[in-house]
Amino acid sequence: MAKLEQIVYGDFNQILNKIENGILNGSISASLENSSDFQSGGARCSVRVFERFSWTGSNRVSLSVTLFQGEDNTIHLSAITAGGSQAMFFKINTFGEEAFLDKLRELL
């Protein structure tokens, strides 16, 4: 698994749209598997789960992205990849996971 956590600045909707469009247009095999959005008071949270084929690992990898905006309007991003390993009991060949996360880093 690879993980990225950071604070991002800007309009919540614009950031979310940029991430969605950038991931989906960044790979021919990328898909949005599911999403969730909710609000409570002044807080807001959006979760997106993407998947794509990793040519280097010959398997599919997923990328879960969570955007959270609290009442102070600070936007927190957490992104976690999974599924890039080919081994049964330990992780090897996680290049696909890192590459998927690198695409998100480029967008940010």
PDB file of N, CA and C in Angstrom:
ATOM      1  N   MET A   1       0.828  -1.181   0.000  1.00  0.00           N
ATOM      2  CA  MET A   1       0.000   0.000   0.000  1.00  0.00           C
ATOM      3  C   MET A   1       0.870   1.241   0.000  1.00  0.00           C
ATOM      4  N   ALA A   2       0.416   2.225  -0.712  1.00  0.00           N
ATOM      5  CA  ALA A   2       1.068   3.526  -0.707  1.00  0.00           C
ATOM      6  C   ALA A   2       0.037   4.535  -0.207  1.00  0.00           C
ATOM      7  N   LYS A   3       0.512   5.568   0.471  1.00  0.00           N
ATOM      8  CA  LYS A   3      -0.413   6.530   1.075  1.00  0.00           C
ATOM      9  C   LYS A   3       0.110   7.941   0.898  1.00  0.00           C
ATOM     10  N   LEU A   4      -0.824   8.867   0.684  1.00  0.00           N
ATOM     11  CA  LEU A   4      -0.525  10.294   0.589  1.00  0.00           C
ATOM     12  C   LEU A   4      -1.545  11.029   1.442  1.00  0.00           C
ATOM     13  N   GLU A   5      -1.065  11.875   2.341  1.00  0.00           N
ATOM     14  CA  GLU A   5      -1.952  12.720   3.139  1.00  0.00           C
ATOM     15  C   GLU A   5      -1.413  14.131   3.106  1.00  0.00           C
ATOM     16  N   GLN A   6      -2.299  15.095   2.847  1.00  0.00           N
ATOM     17  CA  GLN A   6      -1.880  16.490   2.832  1.00  0.00           C
ATOM     18  C   GLN A   6      -3.090  17.409   2.906  1.00  0.00           C
ATOM     19  N   ILE A   7      -2.817  18.652   3.184  1.00  0.00           N
ATOM     20  CA  ILE A   7      -3.835  19.693   3.149  1.00  0.00           C
ATOM     21  C   ILE A   7      -3.793  20.312   1.762  1.00  0.00           C
ATOM     22  N   VAL A   8      -4.963  20.498   1.163  1.00  0.00           N
ATOM     23  CA  VAL A   8      -5.047  21.111  -0.159  1.00  0.00           C
ATOM     24  C   VAL A   8      -5.856  22.398  -0.047  1.00  0.00           C
ATOM     25  N   TYR A   9      -5.602  23.308  -0.963  1.00  0.00           N
ATOM     26  CA  TYR A   9      -6.233  24.623  -0.895  1.00  0.00           C
ATOM     27  C   TYR A   9      -7.034  24.883  -2.159  1.00  0.00           C
ATOM     28  N   GLY A  10      -8.176  25.510  -1.983  1.00  0.00           N
ATOM     29  CA  GLY A  10      -9.029  25.859  -3.106  1.00  0.00           C
ATOM     30  C   GLY A  10     -10.474  25.517  -2.818  1.00  0.00           C
ATOM     31  N   ASP A  11     -11.262  25.509  -3.871  1.00  0.00           N
ATOM     32  CA  ASP A  11     -12.677  25.197  -3.789  1.00  0.00           C
ATOM     33  C   ASP A  11     -12.868  23.672  -3.740  1.00  0.00           C
ATOM     34  N   PHE A  12     -13.610  23.184  -2.773  1.00  0.00           N
ATOM     35  CA  PHE A  12     -13.811  21.750  -2.570  1.00  0.00           C
ATOM     36  C   PHE A  12     -14.299  21.068  -3.847  1.00  0.00           C
ATOM     37  N   ASN A  13     -15.348  21.617  -4.467  1.00  0.00           N
ATOM     38  CA  ASN A  13     -15.920  21.012  -5.678  1.00  0.00           C
ATOM     39  C   ASN A  13     -14.926  20.994  -6.824  1.00  0.00           C
ATOM     40  N   GLN A  14     -14.190  22.065  -6.996  1.00  0.00           N
ATOM     41  CA  GLN A  14     -13.209  22.129  -8.079  1.00  0.00           C
ATOM     42  C   GLN A  14     -12.087  21.114  -7.867  1.00  0.00           C
ATOM     43  N   ILE A  15     -11.626  20.979  -6.642  1.00  0.00           N
ATOM     44  CA  ILE A  15     -10.574  19.998  -6.339  1.00  0.00           C
ATOM     45  C   ILE A  15     -11.078  18.592  -6.610  1.00  0.00           C
ATOM     46  N   LEU A  16     -12.277  18.283  -6.140  1.00  0.00           N
ATOM     47  CA  LEU A  16     -12.859  16.960  -6.342  1.00  0.00           C
ATOM     48  C   LEU A  16     -13.025  16.663  -7.831  1.00  0.00           C
ATOM     49  N   ASN A  17     -13.535  17.613  -8.593  1.00  0.00           N
ATOM     50  CA  ASN A  17     -13.701  17.423 -10.040  1.00  0.00           C
ATOM     51  C   ASN A  17     -12.364  17.244 -10.744  1.00  0.00           C
ATOM     52  N   LYS A  18     -11.357  18.004 -10.334  1.00  0.00           N
ATOM     53  CA  LYS A  18     -10.035  17.880 -10.943  1.00  0.00           C
ATOM     54  C   LYS A  18      -9.454  16.487 -10.689  1.00  0.00           C
ATOM     55  N   ILE A  19      -9.628  15.976  -9.475  1.00  0.00           N
ATOM     56  CA  ILE A  19      -9.143  14.639  -9.149  1.00  0.00           C
ATOM     57  C   ILE A  19      -9.886  13.589  -9.970  1.00  0.00           C
ATOM     58  N   GLU A  20     -11.217  13.651  -9.982  1.00  0.00           N
ATOM     59  CA  GLU A  20     -12.004  12.675 -10.733  1.00  0.00           C
ATOM     60  C   GLU A  20     -11.624  12.664 -12.207  1.00  0.00           C
ATOM     61  N   ASN A  21     -11.654  13.837 -12.828  1.00  0.00           N
ATOM     62  CA  ASN A  21     -11.361  13.925 -14.259  1.00  0.00           C
ATOM     63  C   ASN A  21      -9.916  13.546 -14.566  1.00  0.00           C
ATOM     64  N   GLY A  22      -8.997  13.978 -13.728  1.00  0.00           N
ATOM     65  CA  GLY A  22      -7.595  13.683 -13.958  1.00  0.00           C
ATOM     66  C   GLY A  22      -7.271  12.205 -13.862  1.00  0.00           C
ATOM     67  N   ILE A  23      -7.845  11.528 -12.883  1.00  0.00           N
ATOM     68  CA  ILE A  23      -7.614  10.087 -12.736  1.00  0.00           C
ATOM     69  C   ILE A  23      -8.263   9.326 -13.880  1.00  0.00           C
ATOM     70  N   LEU A  24      -9.511   9.649 -14.183  1.00  0.00           N
ATOM     71  CA  LEU A  24     -10.229   8.922 -15.234  1.00  0.00           C
ATOM     72  C   LEU A  24      -9.643   9.172 -16.617  1.00  0.00           C
ATOM     73  N   ASN A  25      -9.146  10.366 -16.872  1.00  0.00           N
ATOM     74  CA  ASN A  25      -8.553  10.676 -18.171  1.00  0.00           C
ATOM     75  C   ASN A  25      -7.069  10.343 -18.235  1.00  0.00           C
ATOM     76  N   GLY A  26      -6.489   9.961 -17.094  1.00  0.00           N
ATOM     77  CA  GLY A  26      -5.064   9.689 -17.037  1.00  0.00           C
ATOM     78  C   GLY A  26      -4.680   8.269 -17.392  1.00  0.00           C
ATOM     79  N   SER A  27      -5.661   7.392 -17.558  1.00  0.00           N
ATOM     80  CA  SER A  27      -5.381   5.998 -17.892  1.00  0.00           C
ATOM     81  C   SER A  27      -6.564   5.426 -18.654  1.00  0.00           C
ATOM     82  N   ILE A  28      -6.285   4.711 -19.719  1.00  0.00           N
ATOM     83  CA  ILE A  28      -7.360   4.137 -20.523  1.00  0.00           C
ATOM     84  C   ILE A  28      -8.175   3.109 -19.741  1.00  0.00           C
ATOM     85  N   SER A  29      -7.550   2.488 -18.728  1.00  0.00           N
ATOM     86  CA  SER A  29      -8.251   1.449 -17.975  1.00  0.00           C
ATOM     87  C   SER A  29      -8.825   1.944 -16.648  1.00  0.00           C
ATOM     88  N   ALA A  30      -8.688   3.236 -16.350  1.00  0.00           N
ATOM     89  CA  ALA A  30      -9.171   3.776 -15.076  1.00  0.00           C
ATOM     90  C   ALA A  30     -10.693   3.846 -15.043  1.00  0.00           C
ATOM     91  N   SER A  31     -11.248   3.515 -13.883  1.00  0.00           N
ATOM     92  CA  SER A  31     -12.696   3.603 -13.697  1.00  0.00           C
ATOM     93  C   SER A  31     -12.988   4.089 -12.284  1.00  0.00           C
ATOM     94  N   LEU A  32     -14.134   4.740 -12.137  1.00  0.00           N
ATOM     95  CA  LEU A  32     -14.628   5.134 -10.820  1.00  0.00           C
ATOM     96  C   LEU A  32     -15.521   4.006 -10.344  1.00  0.00           C
ATOM     97  N   GLU A  33     -15.074   3.279  -9.323  1.00  0.00           N
ATOM     98  CA  GLU A  33     -15.801   2.101  -8.864  1.00  0.00           C
ATOM     99  C   GLU A  33     -16.971   2.455  -7.958  1.00  0.00           C
ATOM    100  N   ASN A  34     -16.784   3.472  -7.102  1.00  0.00           N
ATOM    101  CA  ASN A  34     -17.872   3.888  -6.228  1.00  0.00           C
ATOM    102  C   ASN A  34     -17.525   5.230  -5.603  1.00  0.00           C
ATOM    103  N   SER A  35     -18.537   5.873  -5.049  1.00  0.00           N
ATOM    104  CA  SER A  35     -18.328   7.180  -4.425  1.00  0.00           C
ATOM    105  C   SER A  35     -19.319   7.367  -3.284  1.00  0.00           C
ATOM    106  N   SER A  36     -18.960   8.299  -2.389  1.00  0.00           N
ATOM    107  CA  SER A  36     -19.819   8.628  -1.261  1.00  0.00           C
ATOM    108  C   SER A  36     -19.598  10.088  -0.906  1.00  0.00           C
ATOM    109  N   ASP A  37     -20.674  10.797  -0.637  1.00  0.00           N
ATOM    110  CA  ASP A  37     -20.614  12.203  -0.251  1.00  0.00           C
ATOM    111  C   ASP A  37     -21.575  12.434   0.906  1.00  0.00           C
ATOM    112  N   PHE A  38     -21.097  13.170   1.910  1.00  0.00           N
ATOM    113  CA  PHE A  38     -22.013  13.535   2.989  1.00  0.00           C
ATOM    114  C   PHE A  38     -21.572  14.817   3.669  1.00  0.00           C
ATOM    115  N   GLN A  39     -22.543  15.464   4.322  1.00  0.00           N
ATOM    116  CA  GLN A  39     -22.320  16.709   5.046  1.00  0.00           C
ATOM    117  C   GLN A  39     -22.961  16.602   6.410  1.00  0.00           C
ATOM    118  N   SER A  40     -22.357  17.308   7.373  1.00  0.00           N
ATOM    119  CA  SER A  40     -22.940  17.413   8.698  1.00  0.00           C
ATOM    120  C   SER A  40     -22.558  18.783   9.237  1.00  0.00           C
ATOM    121  N   GLY A  41     -23.545  19.611   9.412  1.00  0.00           N
ATOM    122  CA  GLY A  41     -23.254  20.977   9.835  1.00  0.00           C
ATOM    123  C   GLY A  41     -22.379  21.659   8.799  1.00  0.00           C
ATOM    124  N   GLY A  42     -21.252  22.195   9.224  1.00  0.00           N
ATOM    125  CA  GLY A  42     -20.334  22.850   8.305  1.00  0.00           C
ATOM    126  C   GLY A  42     -19.253  21.935   7.768  1.00  0.00           C
ATOM    127  N   ALA A  43     -19.292  20.656   8.106  1.00  0.00           N
ATOM    128  CA  ALA A  43     -18.280  19.698   7.643  1.00  0.00           C
ATOM    129  C   ALA A  43     -18.785  18.955   6.415  1.00  0.00           C
ATOM    130  N   ARG A  44     -17.821  18.528   5.604  1.00  0.00           N
ATOM    131  CA  ARG A  44     -18.151  17.853   4.359  1.00  0.00           C
ATOM    132  C   ARG A  44     -17.100  16.790   4.071  1.00  0.00           C
ATOM    133  N   CYS A  45     -17.535  15.657   3.501  1.00  0.00           N
ATOM    134  CA  CYS A  45     -16.610  14.579   3.188  1.00  0.00           C
ATOM    135  C   CYS A  45     -17.016  13.912   1.872  1.00  0.00           C
ATOM    136  N   SER A  46     -16.041  13.650   1.017  1.00  0.00           N
ATOM    137  CA  SER A  46     -16.264  12.917  -0.230  1.00  0.00           C
ATOM    138  C   SER A  46     -15.224  11.816  -0.334  1.00  0.00           C
ATOM    139  N   VAL A  47     -15.691  10.638  -0.718  1.00  0.00           N
ATOM    140  CA  VAL A  47     -14.810   9.482  -0.889  1.00  0.00           C
ATOM    141  C   VAL A  47     -14.981   8.976  -2.320  1.00  0.00           C
ATOM    142  N   ARG A  48     -13.857   8.698  -2.984  1.00  0.00           N
ATOM    143  CA  ARG A  48     -13.871   8.141  -4.332  1.00  0.00           C
ATOM    144  C   ARG A  48     -12.949   6.931  -4.360  1.00  0.00           C
ATOM    145  N   VAL A  49     -13.418   5.855  -4.992  1.00  0.00           N
ATOM    146  CA  VAL A  49     -12.591   4.664  -5.155  1.00  0.00           C
ATOM    147  C   VAL A  49     -12.428   4.411  -6.651  1.00  0.00           C
ATOM    148  N   PHE A  50     -11.184   4.500  -7.095  1.00  0.00           N
ATOM    149  CA  PHE A  50     -10.838   4.296  -8.500  1.00  0.00           C
ATOM    150  C   PHE A  50     -10.112   2.963  -8.640  1.00  0.00           C
ATOM    151  N   GLU A  51     -10.132   2.445  -9.859  1.00  0.00           N
ATOM    152  CA  GLU A  51      -9.393   1.230 -10.146  1.00  0.00           C
ATOM    153  C   GLU A  51      -8.814   1.352 -11.546  1.00  0.00           C
ATOM    154  N   ARG A  52      -7.661   0.715 -11.761  1.00  0.00           N
ATOM    155  CA  ARG A  52      -7.073   0.680 -13.095  1.00  0.00           C
ATOM    156  C   ARG A  52      -6.180  -0.535 -13.214  1.00  0.00           C
ATOM    157  N   PHE A  53      -5.842  -0.882 -14.451  1.00  0.00           N
ATOM    158  CA  PHE A  53      -4.946  -1.997 -14.705  1.00  0.00           C
ATOM    159  C   PHE A  53      -3.509  -1.500 -14.626  1.00  0.00           C
ATOM    160  N   SER A  54      -2.661  -2.255 -13.940  1.00  0.00           N
ATOM    161  CA  SER A  54      -1.239  -1.939 -13.841  1.00  0.00           C
ATOM    162  C   SER A  54      -0.474  -2.837 -14.803  1.00  0.00           C
ATOM    163  N   TRP A  55       0.106  -2.234 -15.827  1.00  0.00           N
ATOM    164  CA  TRP A  55       0.861  -3.012 -16.817  1.00  0.00           C
ATOM    165  C   TRP A  55       2.104  -3.637 -16.184  1.00  0.00           C
ATOM    166  N   THR A  56       2.743  -2.921 -15.260  1.00  0.00           N
ATOM    167  CA  THR A  56       3.966  -3.453 -14.657  1.00  0.00           C
ATOM    168  C   THR A  56       3.678  -4.637 -13.750  1.00  0.00           C
ATOM    169  N   GLY A  57       2.552  -4.641 -13.094  1.00  0.00           N
ATOM    170  CA  GLY A  57       2.211  -5.737 -12.191  1.00  0.00           C
ATOM    171  C   GLY A  57       1.276  -6.764 -12.799  1.00  0.00           C
ATOM    172  N   SER A  58       0.752  -6.452 -13.988  1.00  0.00           N
ATOM    173  CA  SER A  58      -0.225  -7.320 -14.661  1.00  0.00           C
ATOM    174  C   SER A  58      -1.410  -7.634 -13.750  1.00  0.00           C
ATOM    175  N   ASN A  59      -1.887  -6.608 -13.057  1.00  0.00           N
ATOM    176  CA  ASN A  59      -3.042  -6.784 -12.170  1.00  0.00           C
ATOM    177  C   ASN A  59      -3.771  -5.444 -12.036  1.00  0.00           C
ATOM    178  N   ARG A  60      -4.869  -5.440 -11.307  1.00  0.00           N
ATOM    179  CA  ARG A  60      -5.622  -4.210 -11.086  1.00  0.00           C
ATOM    180  C   ARG A  60      -5.244  -3.626  -9.732  1.00  0.00           C
ATOM    181  N   VAL A  61      -5.172  -2.305  -9.685  1.00  0.00           N
ATOM    182  CA  VAL A  61      -4.879  -1.613  -8.431  1.00  0.00           C
ATOM    183  C   VAL A  61      -6.001  -0.617  -8.162  1.00  0.00           C
ATOM    184  N   SER A  62      -6.230  -0.340  -6.886  1.00  0.00           N
ATOM    185  CA  SER A  62      -7.266   0.614  -6.519  1.00  0.00           C
ATOM    186  C   SER A  62      -6.636   1.826  -5.837  1.00  0.00           C
ATOM    187  N   LEU A  63      -7.337   2.929  -5.935  1.00  0.00           N
ATOM    188  CA  LEU A  63      -6.949   4.181  -5.296  1.00  0.00           C
ATOM    189  C   LEU A  63      -8.174   4.742  -4.606  1.00  0.00           C
ATOM    190  N   SER A  64      -8.117   4.858  -3.283  1.00  0.00           N
ATOM    191  CA  SER A  64      -9.205   5.457  -2.510  1.00  0.00           C
ATOM    192  C   SER A  64      -8.793   6.866  -2.125  1.00  0.00           C
ATOM    193  N   VAL A  65      -9.624   7.839  -2.475  1.00  0.00           N
ATOM    194  CA  VAL A  65      -9.339   9.238  -2.188  1.00  0.00           C
ATOM    195  C   VAL A  65     -10.447   9.789  -1.294  1.00  0.00           C
ATOM    196  N   THR A  66     -10.053  10.386  -0.175  1.00  0.00           N
ATOM    197  CA  THR A  66     -11.006  11.022   0.736  1.00  0.00           C
ATOM    198  C   THR A  66     -10.649  12.489   0.860  1.00  0.00           C
ATOM    199  N   LEU A  67     -11.639  13.345   0.632  1.00  0.00           N
ATOM    200  CA  LEU A  67     -11.506  14.783   0.883  1.00  0.00           C
ATOM    201  C   LEU A  67     -12.414  15.122   2.057  1.00  0.00           C
ATOM    202  N   PHE A  68     -11.864  15.818   3.044  1.00  0.00           N
ATOM    203  CA  PHE A  68     -12.640  16.225   4.212  1.00  0.00           C
ATOM    204  C   PHE A  68     -12.433  17.710   4.448  1.00  0.00           C
ATOM    205  N   GLN A  69     -13.533  18.430   4.559  1.00  0.00           N
ATOM    206  CA  GLN A  69     -13.483  19.866   4.861  1.00  0.00           C
ATOM    207  C   GLN A  69     -14.246  20.094   6.159  1.00  0.00           C
ATOM    208  N   GLY A  70     -13.524  20.526   7.184  1.00  0.00           N
ATOM    209  CA  GLY A  70     -14.135  20.796   8.472  1.00  0.00           C
ATOM    210  C   GLY A  70     -14.753  22.179   8.510  1.00  0.00           C
ATOM    211  N   GLU A  71     -15.252  22.538   9.650  1.00  0.00           N
ATOM    212  CA  GLU A  71     -15.912  23.835   9.805  1.00  0.00           C
ATOM    213  C   GLU A  71     -14.947  24.998   9.640  1.00  0.00           C
ATOM    214  N   ASP A  72     -13.636  24.746   9.768  1.00  0.00           N
ATOM    215  CA  ASP A  72     -12.648  25.805   9.561  1.00  0.00           C
ATOM    216  C   ASP A  72     -12.282  25.968   8.080  1.00  0.00           C
ATOM    217  N   ASN A  73     -12.949  25.183   7.183  1.00  0.00           N
ATOM    218  CA  ASN A  73     -12.764  25.214   5.733  1.00  0.00           C
ATOM    219  C   ASN A  73     -11.431  24.653   5.249  1.00  0.00           C
ATOM    220  N   THR A  74     -10.615  24.101   6.142  1.00  0.00           N
ATOM    221  CA  THR A  74      -9.394  23.432   5.719  1.00  0.00           C
ATOM    222  C   THR A  74      -9.766  22.114   5.046  1.00  0.00           C
ATOM    223  N   ILE A  75      -9.171  21.833   3.888  1.00  0.00           N
ATOM    224  CA  ILE A  75      -9.473  20.606   3.155  1.00  0.00           C
ATOM    225  C   ILE A  75      -8.328  19.619   3.343  1.00  0.00           C
ATOM    226  N   HIS A  76      -8.655  18.475   3.907  1.00  0.00           N
ATOM    227  CA  HIS A  76      -7.683  17.406   4.127  1.00  0.00           C
ATOM    228  C   HIS A  76      -7.892  16.334   3.062  1.00  0.00           C
ATOM    229  N   LEU A  77      -6.801  15.844   2.494  1.00  0.00           N
ATOM    230  CA  LEU A  77      -6.854  14.783   1.507  1.00  0.00           C
ATOM    231  C   LEU A  77      -6.117  13.569   2.049  1.00  0.00           C
ATOM    232  N   SER A  78      -6.722  12.418   1.898  1.00  0.00           N
ATOM    233  CA  SER A  78      -6.065  11.142   2.213  1.00  0.00           C
ATOM    234  C   SER A  78      -6.282  10.234   1.017  1.00  0.00           C
ATOM    235  N   ALA A  79      -5.184   9.681   0.485  1.00  0.00           N
ATOM    236  CA  ALA A  79      -5.264   8.777  -0.660  1.00  0.00           C
ATOM    237  C   ALA A  79      -4.459   7.520  -0.352  1.00  0.00           C
ATOM    238  N   ILE A  80      -5.071   6.365  -0.574  1.00  0.00           N
ATOM    239  CA  ILE A  80      -4.437   5.087  -0.278  1.00  0.00           C
ATOM    240  C   ILE A  80      -4.650   4.145  -1.461  1.00  0.00           C
ATOM    241  N   THR A  81      -3.565   3.508  -1.894  1.00  0.00           N
ATOM    242  CA  THR A  81      -3.656   2.526  -2.967  1.00  0.00           C
ATOM    243  C   THR A  81      -3.600   1.121  -2.383  1.00  0.00           C
ATOM    244  N   ALA A  82      -4.110   0.159  -3.155  1.00  0.00           N
ATOM    245  CA  ALA A  82      -4.072  -1.238  -2.724  1.00  0.00           C
ATOM    246  C   ALA A  82      -4.200  -2.134  -3.947  1.00  0.00           C
ATOM    247  N   GLY A  83      -3.788  -3.373  -3.766  1.00  0.00           N
ATOM    248  CA  GLY A  83      -4.003  -4.383  -4.793  1.00  0.00           C
ATOM    249  C   GLY A  83      -2.866  -4.583  -5.761  1.00  0.00           C
ATOM    250  N   GLY A  84      -1.740  -3.934  -5.561  1.00  0.00           N
ATOM    251  CA  GLY A  84      -0.658  -4.018  -6.535  1.00  0.00           C
ATOM    252  C   GLY A  84       0.304  -5.158  -6.350  1.00  0.00           C
ATOM    253  N   SER A  85       0.099  -5.998  -5.371  1.00  0.00           N
ATOM    254  CA  SER A  85       1.057  -7.074  -5.109  1.00  0.00           C
ATOM    255  C   SER A  85       0.657  -8.360  -5.812  1.00  0.00           C
ATOM    256  N   GLN A  86       1.660  -9.155  -6.164  1.00  0.00           N
ATOM    257  CA  GLN A  86       1.389 -10.430  -6.816  1.00  0.00           C
ATOM    258  C   GLN A  86       1.602 -11.622  -5.889  1.00  0.00           C
ATOM    259  N   ALA A  87       2.146 -11.394  -4.710  1.00  0.00           N
ATOM    260  CA  ALA A  87       2.462 -12.499  -3.808  1.00  0.00           C
ATOM    261  C   ALA A  87       1.264 -12.866  -2.941  1.00  0.00           C
ATOM    262  N   MET A  88       1.293 -14.066  -2.381  1.00  0.00           N
ATOM    263  CA  MET A  88       0.185 -14.528  -1.563  1.00  0.00           C
ATOM    264  C   MET A  88       0.322 -14.094  -0.106  1.00  0.00           C
ATOM    265  N   PHE A  89       1.522 -14.108   0.459  1.00  0.00           N
ATOM    266  CA  PHE A  89       1.686 -13.860   1.887  1.00  0.00           C
ATOM    267  C   PHE A  89       2.446 -12.582   2.224  1.00  0.00           C
ATOM    268  N   PHE A  90       3.068 -11.939   1.255  1.00  0.00           N
ATOM    269  CA  PHE A  90       3.780 -10.690   1.502  1.00  0.00           C
ATOM    270  C   PHE A  90       3.734  -9.852   0.240  1.00  0.00           C
ATOM    271  N   LYS A  91       4.036  -8.582   0.374  1.00  0.00           N
ATOM    272  CA  LYS A  91       3.900  -7.664  -0.755  1.00  0.00           C
ATOM    273  C   LYS A  91       5.187  -7.591  -1.563  1.00  0.00           C
ATOM    274  N   ILE A  92       5.062  -7.860  -2.851  1.00  0.00           N
ATOM    275  CA  ILE A  92       6.154  -7.628  -3.797  1.00  0.00           C
ATOM    276  C   ILE A  92       5.569  -6.901  -4.995  1.00  0.00           C
ATOM    277  N   ASN A  93       6.412  -6.217  -5.729  1.00  0.00           N
ATOM    278  CA  ASN A  93       6.001  -5.535  -6.956  1.00  0.00           C
ATOM    279  C   ASN A  93       4.832  -4.577  -6.717  1.00  0.00           C
ATOM    280  N   THR A  94       5.081  -3.540  -5.951  1.00  0.00           N
ATOM    281  CA  THR A  94       4.049  -2.537  -5.682  1.00  0.00           C
ATOM    282  C   THR A  94       4.213  -1.306  -6.583  1.00  0.00           C
ATOM    283  N   PHE A  95       4.919  -1.479  -7.708  1.00  0.00           N
ATOM    284  CA  PHE A  95       5.145  -0.355  -8.625  1.00  0.00           C
ATOM    285  C   PHE A  95       3.842   0.241  -9.145  1.00  0.00           C
ATOM    286  N   GLY A  96       2.845  -0.601  -9.405  1.00  0.00           N
ATOM    287  CA  GLY A  96       1.564  -0.117  -9.912  1.00  0.00           C
ATOM    288  C   GLY A  96       0.860   0.786  -8.925  1.00  0.00           C
ATOM    289  N   GLU A  97       0.957   0.453  -7.642  1.00  0.00           N
ATOM    290  CA  GLU A  97       0.336   1.286  -6.610  1.00  0.00           C
ATOM    291  C   GLU A  97       1.004   2.651  -6.561  1.00  0.00           C
ATOM    292  N   GLU A  98       2.323   2.672  -6.575  1.00  0.00           N
ATOM    293  CA  GLU A  98       3.064   3.946  -6.533  1.00  0.00           C
ATOM    294  C   GLU A  98       2.770   4.790  -7.762  1.00  0.00           C
ATOM    295  N   ALA A  99       2.683   4.154  -8.927  1.00  0.00           N
ATOM    296  CA  ALA A  99       2.408   4.888 -10.164  1.00  0.00           C
ATOM    297  C   ALA A  99       1.016   5.516 -10.124  1.00  0.00           C
ATOM    298  N   PHE A 100       0.043   4.805  -9.565  1.00  0.00           N
ATOM    299  CA  PHE A 100      -1.320   5.330  -9.449  1.00  0.00           C
ATOM    300  C   PHE A 100      -1.324   6.554  -8.527  1.00  0.00           C
ATOM    301  N   LEU A 101      -0.618   6.455  -7.421  1.00  0.00           N
ATOM    302  CA  LEU A 101      -0.527   7.574  -6.482  1.00  0.00           C
ATOM    303  C   LEU A 101       0.241   8.742  -7.089  1.00  0.00           C
ATOM    304  N   ASP A 102       1.249   8.443  -7.894  1.00  0.00           N
ATOM    305  CA  ASP A 102       2.007   9.508  -8.569  1.00  0.00           C
ATOM    306  C   ASP A 102       1.115  10.330  -9.497  1.00  0.00           C
ATOM    307  N   LYS A 103       0.141   9.682 -10.134  1.00  0.00           N
ATOM    308  CA  LYS A 103      -0.797  10.412 -10.984  1.00  0.00           C
ATOM    309  C   LYS A 103      -1.582  11.426 -10.173  1.00  0.00           C
ATOM    310  N   LEU A 104      -2.010  11.040  -8.975  1.00  0.00           N
ATOM    311  CA  LEU A 104      -2.719  11.975  -8.089  1.00  0.00           C
ATOM    312  C   LEU A 104      -1.794  13.118  -7.669  1.00  0.00           C
ATOM    313  N   ARG A 105      -0.551  12.793  -7.358  1.00  0.00           N
ATOM    314  CA  ARG A 105       0.414  13.832  -6.973  1.00  0.00           C
ATOM    315  C   ARG A 105       0.569  14.869  -8.082  1.00  0.00           C
ATOM    316  N   GLU A 106       0.606  14.414  -9.337  1.00  0.00           N
ATOM    317  CA  GLU A 106       0.694  15.327 -10.476  1.00  0.00           C
ATOM    318  C   GLU A 106      -0.511  16.270 -10.524  1.00  0.00           C
ATOM    319  N   LEU A 107      -1.688  15.744 -10.251  1.00  0.00           N
ATOM    320  CA  LEU A 107      -2.901  16.549 -10.303  1.00  0.00           C
ATOM    321  C   LEU A 107      -2.924  17.617  -9.208  1.00  0.00           C
ATOM    322  N   LEU A 108      -2.360  17.286  -8.068  1.00  0.00           N
ATOM    323  CA  LEU A 108      -2.382  18.222  -6.945  1.00  0.00           C
ATOM    324  C   LEU A 108      -1.329  19.294  -7.121  1.00  0.00           C
TER     325      LEU A 108
END
